[in-house]
């Protein structure tokens, strides 16, 4: 699959160039877009950061919503995989509802290696536009977790028991 030629350049405020922080451990490398229908009425498109087949996703929705499996209908619209050799997100579209759109970059340097000891390229340099908001939300969440982790490591935490009292107060 070739990349569209009209690429919109959008630069993230947090560039992961050369990063070896927590983002490398938690970032999804596969996304799937589903069309989800409940009882044939409530229909929505949803992105899931997992390589889960549609029947497993359908079963999970049925279980979480506590409704019969027959009331849940799922259609795979598209799937996306991080390509570390080409430094991009590859996309596959199923049916006629979703088609390739413009591509966007979340990196100020593209293409670039994930870190200095790797020949893997950062896939954030070329992302299908419909996936950008989901990847950015994931990156923001990872950044928040990283900041909270660093704060915990520098300031320490107090342990809270099940009844809500600080362990230090119980003496």
N, C-alpha and C. Protein backbone atom coordinates (compact mmCIF):
# COMPACT_ATOMS: atom_id res chain seq x y z
N UNK A 1 0.85 -1.17 0.00
CA UNK A 1 0.00 0.00 0.00
C UNK A 1 0.90 1.23 0.00
N UNK A 2 0.66 2.17 -0.88
CA UNK A 2 1.50 3.36 -0.97
C UNK A 2 0.86 4.51 -0.21
N UNK A 3 1.69 5.40 0.26
CA UNK A 3 1.20 6.55 1.03
C UNK A 3 0.64 7.60 0.10
N UNK A 4 -0.47 8.23 0.47
CA UNK A 4 -0.99 9.34 -0.32
C UNK A 4 0.04 10.46 -0.41
N UNK A 5 0.03 11.18 -1.49
CA UNK A 5 1.04 12.22 -1.70
C UNK A 5 0.73 13.50 -0.95
N UNK A 6 -0.54 13.81 -0.70
CA UNK A 6 -0.85 15.07 -0.01
C UNK A 6 -0.91 14.81 1.49
N UNK A 7 0.23 14.93 2.13
CA UNK A 7 0.34 14.69 3.56
C UNK A 7 0.26 16.00 4.32
N UNK A 8 -0.66 16.04 5.26
CA UNK A 8 -0.77 17.21 6.12
C UNK A 8 0.22 17.04 7.26
N UNK A 9 1.02 18.04 7.51
CA UNK A 9 2.01 17.98 8.57
C UNK A 9 1.42 18.58 9.85
N UNK A 10 1.33 17.78 10.87
CA UNK A 10 0.87 18.25 12.17
C UNK A 10 1.91 17.79 13.18
N UNK A 11 2.42 18.68 13.97
CA UNK A 11 3.50 18.35 14.89
C UNK A 11 2.98 18.30 16.31
N UNK A 12 3.30 17.23 16.99
CA UNK A 12 2.90 17.06 18.38
C UNK A 12 3.73 17.96 19.28
N UNK A 13 3.14 18.36 20.40
CA UNK A 13 3.91 19.14 21.37
C UNK A 13 4.87 18.25 22.14
N UNK A 14 4.62 16.96 22.15
CA UNK A 14 5.51 16.01 22.79
C UNK A 14 6.06 15.08 21.72
N UNK A 15 7.33 15.26 21.37
CA UNK A 15 7.93 14.44 20.33
C UNK A 15 8.69 13.29 20.98
N UNK A 16 8.40 12.08 20.58
CA UNK A 16 9.01 10.91 21.18
C UNK A 16 10.29 10.48 20.47
N UNK A 17 10.91 11.37 19.70
CA UNK A 17 12.14 11.05 19.01
C UNK A 17 13.21 10.61 20.01
N UNK A 18 13.76 9.43 19.78
CA UNK A 18 14.81 8.93 20.64
C UNK A 18 14.34 8.50 22.02
N UNK A 19 13.06 8.32 22.19
CA UNK A 19 12.50 8.04 23.50
C UNK A 19 12.74 6.60 23.93
N UNK A 20 13.09 6.43 25.18
CA UNK A 20 13.16 5.10 25.77
C UNK A 20 12.33 5.07 27.05
N UNK A 21 11.35 5.99 27.17
CA UNK A 21 10.54 6.06 28.39
C UNK A 21 9.39 5.06 28.35
N UNK A 22 8.42 5.24 29.22
CA UNK A 22 7.30 4.32 29.34
C UNK A 22 6.50 4.15 28.05
N UNK A 23 6.54 5.13 27.16
CA UNK A 23 5.72 5.04 25.95
C UNK A 23 6.07 3.81 25.13
N UNK A 24 7.32 3.38 25.14
CA UNK A 24 7.72 2.21 24.39
C UNK A 24 7.10 0.93 24.91
N UNK A 25 6.71 0.92 26.18
CA UNK A 25 6.16 -0.27 26.78
C UNK A 25 4.65 -0.39 26.62
N UNK A 26 3.97 0.74 26.47
CA UNK A 26 2.52 0.70 26.51
C UNK A 26 1.83 1.07 25.20
N UNK A 27 2.51 1.62 24.24
CA UNK A 27 1.87 2.07 23.01
C UNK A 27 1.32 0.88 22.22
N UNK A 28 0.10 1.04 21.74
CA UNK A 28 -0.50 0.01 20.91
C UNK A 28 0.19 -0.04 19.56
N UNK A 29 0.34 -1.23 19.01
CA UNK A 29 0.92 -1.38 17.68
C UNK A 29 -0.12 -1.86 16.67
N UNK A 30 -1.34 -2.03 17.12
CA UNK A 30 -2.44 -2.43 16.24
C UNK A 30 -3.73 -1.76 16.72
N UNK A 31 -4.49 -1.24 15.78
CA UNK A 31 -5.81 -0.67 16.07
C UNK A 31 -6.80 -1.27 15.09
N UNK A 32 -8.04 -1.43 15.53
CA UNK A 32 -9.12 -1.91 14.67
C UNK A 32 -10.29 -0.95 14.82
N UNK A 33 -10.92 -0.62 13.68
CA UNK A 33 -12.13 0.19 13.72
C UNK A 33 -13.32 -0.73 13.44
N UNK A 34 -14.28 -0.72 14.36
CA UNK A 34 -15.47 -1.55 14.23
C UNK A 34 -16.70 -0.67 14.04
N UNK A 35 -17.69 -1.23 13.38
CA UNK A 35 -19.03 -0.64 13.36
C UNK A 35 -19.84 -1.54 14.29
N UNK A 36 -20.33 -0.96 15.35
CA UNK A 36 -21.02 -1.69 16.40
C UNK A 36 -22.49 -1.33 16.40
N UNK A 37 -23.35 -2.34 16.37
CA UNK A 37 -24.80 -2.13 16.44
C UNK A 37 -25.36 -2.93 17.60
N UNK A 38 -26.23 -2.28 18.37
CA UNK A 38 -26.90 -2.93 19.49
C UNK A 38 -28.38 -3.03 19.14
N UNK A 39 -28.88 -4.24 19.12
CA UNK A 39 -30.28 -4.51 18.79
C UNK A 39 -30.68 -3.90 17.45
N UNK A 40 -29.73 -3.77 16.54
CA UNK A 40 -30.00 -3.25 15.20
C UNK A 40 -30.36 -1.78 15.16
N UNK A 41 -30.27 -1.08 16.28
CA UNK A 41 -30.69 0.32 16.33
C UNK A 41 -29.53 1.26 16.62
N UNK A 42 -28.91 1.10 17.75
CA UNK A 42 -27.83 1.99 18.17
C UNK A 42 -26.56 1.58 17.44
N UNK A 43 -26.15 2.40 16.47
CA UNK A 43 -24.97 2.09 15.68
C UNK A 43 -23.92 3.17 15.88
N UNK A 44 -22.68 2.74 16.05
CA UNK A 44 -21.58 3.69 16.16
C UNK A 44 -20.30 3.03 15.68
N UNK A 45 -19.36 3.88 15.30
CA UNK A 45 -18.02 3.41 14.94
C UNK A 45 -17.14 3.58 16.17
N UNK A 46 -16.27 2.61 16.38
CA UNK A 46 -15.39 2.68 17.53
C UNK A 46 -14.02 2.11 17.17
N UNK A 47 -12.98 2.71 17.74
CA UNK A 47 -11.61 2.23 17.55
C UNK A 47 -11.18 1.48 18.80
N UNK A 48 -10.50 0.36 18.61
CA UNK A 48 -10.02 -0.45 19.72
C UNK A 48 -8.53 -0.71 19.50
N UNK A 49 -7.73 -0.49 20.52
CA UNK A 49 -6.28 -0.66 20.42
C UNK A 49 -5.90 -2.10 20.73
N UNK A 50 -6.33 -3.01 19.88
CA UNK A 50 -6.02 -4.42 20.08
C UNK A 50 -6.18 -5.17 18.77
N UNK A 51 -5.52 -6.29 18.69
CA UNK A 51 -5.65 -7.16 17.52
C UNK A 51 -6.62 -8.29 17.89
N UNK A 52 -7.87 -7.93 18.08
CA UNK A 52 -8.90 -8.85 18.54
C UNK A 52 -9.85 -9.14 17.38
N UNK A 53 -10.19 -10.41 17.17
CA UNK A 53 -11.12 -10.70 16.08
C UNK A 53 -12.52 -10.21 16.45
N UNK A 54 -13.36 -10.08 15.44
CA UNK A 54 -14.66 -9.44 15.67
C UNK A 54 -15.57 -10.24 16.59
N UNK A 55 -15.46 -11.57 16.58
CA UNK A 55 -16.31 -12.37 17.46
C UNK A 55 -15.91 -12.21 18.93
N UNK A 56 -14.62 -12.11 19.19
CA UNK A 56 -14.17 -11.87 20.57
C UNK A 56 -14.60 -10.48 21.03
N UNK A 57 -14.51 -9.48 20.15
CA UNK A 57 -14.95 -8.12 20.47
C UNK A 57 -16.46 -8.12 20.73
N UNK A 58 -17.20 -8.78 19.88
CA UNK A 58 -18.67 -8.87 20.00
C UNK A 58 -19.05 -9.53 21.33
N UNK A 59 -18.38 -10.61 21.67
CA UNK A 59 -18.64 -11.31 22.92
C UNK A 59 -18.31 -10.42 24.12
N UNK A 60 -17.22 -9.68 24.03
CA UNK A 60 -16.84 -8.76 25.11
C UNK A 60 -17.88 -7.67 25.32
N UNK A 61 -18.38 -7.10 24.23
CA UNK A 61 -19.43 -6.06 24.32
C UNK A 61 -20.68 -6.64 24.96
N UNK A 62 -21.07 -7.84 24.53
CA UNK A 62 -22.24 -8.51 25.09
C UNK A 62 -22.10 -8.70 26.60
N UNK A 63 -20.93 -9.12 27.02
CA UNK A 63 -20.67 -9.36 28.44
C UNK A 63 -20.68 -8.06 29.24
N UNK A 64 -19.99 -7.04 28.76
CA UNK A 64 -19.91 -5.76 29.47
C UNK A 64 -21.28 -5.10 29.57
N UNK A 65 -22.05 -5.15 28.49
CA UNK A 65 -23.37 -4.50 28.48
C UNK A 65 -24.46 -5.40 29.07
N UNK A 66 -24.11 -6.64 29.37
CA UNK A 66 -25.04 -7.62 29.92
C UNK A 66 -26.29 -7.76 29.05
N UNK A 67 -26.05 -7.96 27.76
CA UNK A 67 -27.14 -8.19 26.81
C UNK A 67 -26.83 -9.47 26.03
N UNK A 68 -27.86 -10.10 25.46
CA UNK A 68 -27.62 -11.33 24.70
C UNK A 68 -26.68 -11.08 23.52
N UNK A 69 -25.85 -12.07 23.24
CA UNK A 69 -24.91 -11.99 22.13
C UNK A 69 -25.62 -11.71 20.81
N UNK A 70 -26.81 -12.25 20.63
CA UNK A 70 -27.56 -12.03 19.39
C UNK A 70 -27.97 -10.58 19.19
N UNK A 71 -27.97 -9.77 20.25
CA UNK A 71 -28.32 -8.36 20.14
C UNK A 71 -27.15 -7.48 19.71
N UNK A 72 -25.96 -8.08 19.62
CA UNK A 72 -24.75 -7.33 19.27
C UNK A 72 -24.29 -7.72 17.88
N UNK A 73 -24.14 -6.71 17.03
CA UNK A 73 -23.64 -6.92 15.68
C UNK A 73 -22.36 -6.11 15.50
N UNK A 74 -21.34 -6.73 14.92
CA UNK A 74 -20.05 -6.07 14.75
C UNK A 74 -19.56 -6.28 13.32
N UNK A 75 -19.06 -5.21 12.73
CA UNK A 75 -18.46 -5.26 11.40
C UNK A 75 -17.09 -4.59 11.48
N UNK A 76 -16.07 -5.25 10.94
CA UNK A 76 -14.73 -4.65 10.90
C UNK A 76 -14.68 -3.69 9.72
N UNK A 77 -14.38 -2.41 10.00
CA UNK A 77 -14.29 -1.41 8.94
C UNK A 77 -12.86 -1.22 8.45
N UNK A 78 -11.91 -1.24 9.39
CA UNK A 78 -10.52 -1.02 9.01
C UNK A 78 -9.60 -1.55 10.11
N UNK A 79 -8.36 -1.82 9.72
CA UNK A 79 -7.35 -2.21 10.70
C UNK A 79 -6.06 -1.48 10.38
N UNK A 80 -5.27 -1.27 11.42
CA UNK A 80 -4.06 -0.46 11.31
C UNK A 80 -2.93 -1.15 12.07
N UNK A 81 -1.76 -1.21 11.45
CA UNK A 81 -0.59 -1.82 12.08
C UNK A 81 0.60 -0.89 11.99
N UNK A 82 1.33 -0.76 13.09
CA UNK A 82 2.56 0.03 13.10
C UNK A 82 3.61 -0.71 12.28
N UNK A 83 4.20 -0.02 11.32
CA UNK A 83 5.25 -0.59 10.47
C UNK A 83 6.57 0.08 10.85
N UNK A 84 7.38 -0.65 11.61
CA UNK A 84 8.63 -0.09 12.12
C UNK A 84 9.76 -0.11 11.09
N UNK A 85 9.58 -0.83 9.99
CA UNK A 85 10.58 -0.82 8.93
C UNK A 85 10.41 0.41 8.03
N UNK A 86 9.15 0.78 7.76
CA UNK A 86 8.88 1.91 6.87
C UNK A 86 8.62 3.21 7.63
N UNK A 87 8.41 3.12 8.94
CA UNK A 87 8.15 4.32 9.74
C UNK A 87 6.79 4.92 9.45
N UNK A 88 5.74 4.10 9.52
CA UNK A 88 4.38 4.55 9.21
C UNK A 88 3.37 3.57 9.80
N UNK A 89 2.11 3.99 9.78
CA UNK A 89 1.01 3.09 10.13
C UNK A 89 0.39 2.60 8.83
N UNK A 90 0.37 1.28 8.63
CA UNK A 90 -0.29 0.71 7.46
C UNK A 90 -1.77 0.56 7.77
N UNK A 91 -2.59 0.74 6.75
CA UNK A 91 -4.04 0.65 6.95
C UNK A 91 -4.64 -0.30 5.92
N UNK A 92 -5.66 -1.03 6.36
CA UNK A 92 -6.42 -1.91 5.49
C UNK A 92 -7.89 -1.57 5.70
N UNK A 93 -8.60 -1.35 4.61
CA UNK A 93 -10.01 -0.97 4.67
C UNK A 93 -10.86 -2.10 4.11
N UNK A 94 -11.97 -2.39 4.79
CA UNK A 94 -12.87 -3.46 4.40
C UNK A 94 -14.20 -2.85 3.99
N UNK A 95 -14.78 -3.32 2.92
CA UNK A 95 -16.06 -2.79 2.46
C UNK A 95 -15.91 -1.43 1.83
N UNK A 96 -17.01 -0.71 1.74
CA UNK A 96 -17.01 0.58 1.05
C UNK A 96 -17.20 1.76 1.99
N UNK A 97 -17.46 1.49 3.26
CA UNK A 97 -17.78 2.57 4.19
C UNK A 97 -16.55 3.41 4.55
N UNK A 98 -15.41 2.77 4.74
CA UNK A 98 -14.18 3.47 5.09
C UNK A 98 -13.21 3.37 3.93
N UNK A 99 -12.58 4.48 3.60
CA UNK A 99 -11.56 4.50 2.56
C UNK A 99 -10.36 5.31 3.04
N UNK A 100 -9.26 5.15 2.35
CA UNK A 100 -8.04 5.85 2.73
C UNK A 100 -8.26 7.36 2.70
N UNK A 101 -7.69 8.02 3.69
CA UNK A 101 -7.77 9.47 3.79
C UNK A 101 -6.37 10.03 3.79
N UNK A 102 -6.28 11.31 4.04
CA UNK A 102 -4.96 11.95 4.14
C UNK A 102 -4.17 11.33 5.28
N UNK A 103 -2.87 11.53 5.23
CA UNK A 103 -1.99 11.04 6.28
C UNK A 103 -1.41 12.23 7.03
N UNK A 104 -1.09 12.02 8.29
CA UNK A 104 -0.62 13.08 9.17
C UNK A 104 0.62 12.60 9.91
N UNK A 105 1.46 13.53 10.32
CA UNK A 105 2.63 13.20 11.12
C UNK A 105 2.47 13.78 12.53
N UNK A 106 2.85 13.00 13.52
CA UNK A 106 2.88 13.49 14.90
C UNK A 106 4.31 13.70 15.36
N UNK A 107 5.25 13.68 14.43
CA UNK A 107 6.67 13.85 14.76
C UNK A 107 7.24 15.06 14.05
N UNK A 108 8.15 15.74 14.72
CA UNK A 108 8.82 16.86 14.07
C UNK A 108 9.94 16.37 13.15
N UNK A 109 10.46 15.19 13.41
CA UNK A 109 11.48 14.58 12.56
C UNK A 109 10.90 13.30 11.98
N UNK A 110 10.85 13.19 10.67
CA UNK A 110 10.29 12.00 10.08
C UNK A 110 10.97 11.72 8.76
N UNK A 111 11.36 10.51 8.48
CA UNK A 111 11.39 9.38 9.42
C UNK A 111 12.59 9.46 10.34
N UNK A 112 12.48 8.83 11.49
CA UNK A 112 13.59 8.77 12.44
C UNK A 112 13.54 7.46 13.21
N UNK A 113 14.69 7.06 13.73
CA UNK A 113 14.78 5.82 14.49
C UNK A 113 14.11 6.01 15.85
N UNK A 114 13.56 4.93 16.38
CA UNK A 114 12.93 5.00 17.70
C UNK A 114 13.93 5.35 18.78
N UNK A 115 15.12 4.82 18.69
CA UNK A 115 16.19 5.19 19.61
C UNK A 115 17.53 4.96 18.92
N UNK A 116 18.58 5.39 19.54
CA UNK A 116 19.90 5.34 18.90
C UNK A 116 20.43 3.93 18.72
N UNK A 117 19.94 2.97 19.48
CA UNK A 117 20.43 1.60 19.37
C UNK A 117 19.53 0.71 18.53
N UNK A 118 18.60 1.31 17.79
CA UNK A 118 17.63 0.52 17.05
C UNK A 118 17.59 0.93 15.58
N UNK A 119 17.30 -0.03 14.72
CA UNK A 119 17.08 0.31 13.32
C UNK A 119 15.59 0.40 13.01
N UNK A 120 14.76 0.33 14.06
CA UNK A 120 13.31 0.46 13.89
C UNK A 120 12.95 1.94 13.75
N UNK A 121 12.10 2.23 12.76
CA UNK A 121 11.67 3.61 12.53
C UNK A 121 10.38 3.91 13.28
N UNK A 122 10.22 5.15 13.69
CA UNK A 122 9.03 5.60 14.41
C UNK A 122 7.83 5.60 13.47
N UNK A 123 6.75 4.90 13.81
CA UNK A 123 5.57 4.86 12.94
C UNK A 123 4.70 6.11 13.02
N UNK A 124 4.99 7.02 13.98
CA UNK A 124 4.17 8.22 14.13
C UNK A 124 4.43 9.26 13.05
N UNK A 125 5.35 8.99 12.14
CA UNK A 125 5.65 9.93 11.06
C UNK A 125 4.62 9.93 9.95
N UNK A 126 3.79 8.90 9.87
CA UNK A 126 2.77 8.82 8.82
C UNK A 126 1.60 7.98 9.33
N UNK A 127 0.52 8.68 9.68
CA UNK A 127 -0.65 8.04 10.30
C UNK A 127 -1.89 8.39 9.50
N UNK A 128 -2.77 7.42 9.20
CA UNK A 128 -4.04 7.75 8.57
C UNK A 128 -4.81 8.74 9.45
N UNK A 129 -5.35 9.77 8.83
CA UNK A 129 -5.97 10.87 9.57
C UNK A 129 -7.05 10.42 10.56
N UNK A 130 -7.83 9.40 10.21
CA UNK A 130 -8.91 8.96 11.09
C UNK A 130 -8.40 8.32 12.38
N UNK A 131 -7.13 7.94 12.40
CA UNK A 131 -6.55 7.29 13.56
C UNK A 131 -5.82 8.26 14.48
N UNK A 132 -5.52 9.44 14.00
CA UNK A 132 -4.69 10.41 14.73
C UNK A 132 -5.25 10.74 16.11
N UNK A 133 -6.51 11.05 16.23
CA UNK A 133 -7.09 11.44 17.53
C UNK A 133 -6.94 10.32 18.56
N UNK A 134 -7.07 9.08 18.12
CA UNK A 134 -6.97 7.94 19.04
C UNK A 134 -5.53 7.71 19.49
N UNK A 135 -4.60 7.84 18.56
CA UNK A 135 -3.18 7.70 18.92
C UNK A 135 -2.75 8.85 19.81
N UNK A 136 -3.20 10.06 19.50
CA UNK A 136 -2.83 11.22 20.33
C UNK A 136 -3.40 11.07 21.74
N UNK A 137 -4.63 10.59 21.86
CA UNK A 137 -5.22 10.38 23.19
C UNK A 137 -4.42 9.33 23.96
N UNK A 138 -4.01 8.28 23.27
CA UNK A 138 -3.19 7.26 23.92
C UNK A 138 -1.85 7.85 24.37
N UNK A 139 -1.22 8.63 23.52
CA UNK A 139 0.06 9.26 23.86
C UNK A 139 -0.10 10.22 25.03
N UNK A 140 -1.19 10.99 25.05
CA UNK A 140 -1.44 11.90 26.17
C UNK A 140 -1.61 11.13 27.47
N UNK A 141 -2.32 10.01 27.40
CA UNK A 141 -2.52 9.18 28.59
C UNK A 141 -1.19 8.59 29.07
N UNK A 142 -0.36 8.15 28.14
CA UNK A 142 0.96 7.63 28.50
C UNK A 142 1.81 8.71 29.14
N UNK A 143 1.77 9.92 28.57
CA UNK A 143 2.53 11.04 29.13
C UNK A 143 2.07 11.36 30.55
N UNK A 144 0.76 11.34 30.78
CA UNK A 144 0.22 11.59 32.12
C UNK A 144 0.70 10.50 33.09
N UNK A 145 0.67 9.25 32.66
CA UNK A 145 1.16 8.16 33.51
C UNK A 145 2.64 8.34 33.82
N UNK A 146 3.42 8.75 32.81
CA UNK A 146 4.85 8.97 33.01
C UNK A 146 5.09 10.09 34.03
N UNK A 147 4.34 11.19 33.90
CA UNK A 147 4.47 12.31 34.83
C UNK A 147 4.09 11.90 36.25
N UNK A 148 3.00 11.14 36.38
CA UNK A 148 2.58 10.68 37.70
C UNK A 148 3.61 9.73 38.30
N UNK A 149 4.19 8.87 37.47
CA UNK A 149 5.22 7.95 37.93
C UNK A 149 6.44 8.72 38.41
N UNK A 150 6.88 9.70 37.62
CA UNK A 150 8.05 10.51 38.01
C UNK A 150 7.78 11.28 39.30
N UNK A 151 6.56 11.82 39.44
CA UNK A 151 6.21 12.55 40.65
C UNK A 151 6.22 11.62 41.86
N UNK A 152 5.70 10.43 41.69
CA UNK A 152 5.70 9.45 42.76
C UNK A 152 7.12 9.09 43.17
N UNK A 153 8.00 8.95 42.19
CA UNK A 153 9.38 8.58 42.48
C UNK A 153 10.14 9.71 43.18
N UNK A 154 9.79 10.96 42.90
CA UNK A 154 10.53 12.08 43.50
C UNK A 154 9.92 12.54 44.82
N UNK A 155 8.60 12.45 44.98
CA UNK A 155 7.96 12.94 46.21
C UNK A 155 7.54 11.83 47.15
N UNK A 156 7.42 10.62 46.65
CA UNK A 156 6.96 9.51 47.48
C UNK A 156 5.45 9.54 47.61
N UNK A 157 4.89 8.48 48.12
CA UNK A 157 3.44 8.41 48.32
C UNK A 157 3.17 7.87 49.71
N UNK A 158 1.98 8.16 50.19
CA UNK A 158 1.53 7.59 51.44
C UNK A 158 0.54 6.50 51.10
N UNK A 159 0.61 5.40 51.81
CA UNK A 159 -0.23 4.26 51.54
C UNK A 159 -1.61 4.48 52.17
N UNK A 160 -2.65 4.27 51.41
CA UNK A 160 -4.00 4.43 51.92
C UNK A 160 -4.61 3.06 52.11
N UNK A 161 -5.18 2.82 53.30
CA UNK A 161 -5.79 1.52 53.58
C UNK A 161 -7.20 1.47 53.00
N UNK A 162 -7.83 0.30 53.12
CA UNK A 162 -9.17 0.10 52.57
C UNK A 162 -10.21 1.00 53.22
N UNK A 163 -10.02 1.38 54.48
CA UNK A 163 -11.03 2.21 55.13
C UNK A 163 -10.79 3.70 54.91
N UNK A 164 -9.81 4.05 54.09
CA UNK A 164 -9.59 5.45 53.73
C UNK A 164 -8.66 6.21 54.64
N UNK A 165 -8.15 5.58 55.70
CA UNK A 165 -7.22 6.26 56.60
C UNK A 165 -5.80 6.03 56.11
N UNK A 166 -4.98 7.03 56.31
CA UNK A 166 -3.57 6.88 55.98
C UNK A 166 -2.94 5.92 56.98
N UNK A 167 -2.05 5.06 56.49
CA UNK A 167 -1.36 4.13 57.39
C UNK A 167 -0.60 4.89 58.47
N UNK A 168 -0.05 6.05 58.13
CA UNK A 168 0.71 6.85 59.10
C UNK A 168 -0.17 7.32 60.25
N UNK A 169 -1.47 7.59 59.97
CA UNK A 169 -2.39 8.06 61.01
C UNK A 169 -2.75 6.95 61.99
N UNK A 170 -2.76 5.71 61.51
CA UNK A 170 -3.15 4.59 62.36
C UNK A 170 -2.05 4.23 63.35
N UNK A 171 -0.83 4.66 63.03
CA UNK A 171 0.31 4.49 63.91
C UNK A 171 0.61 3.10 64.20
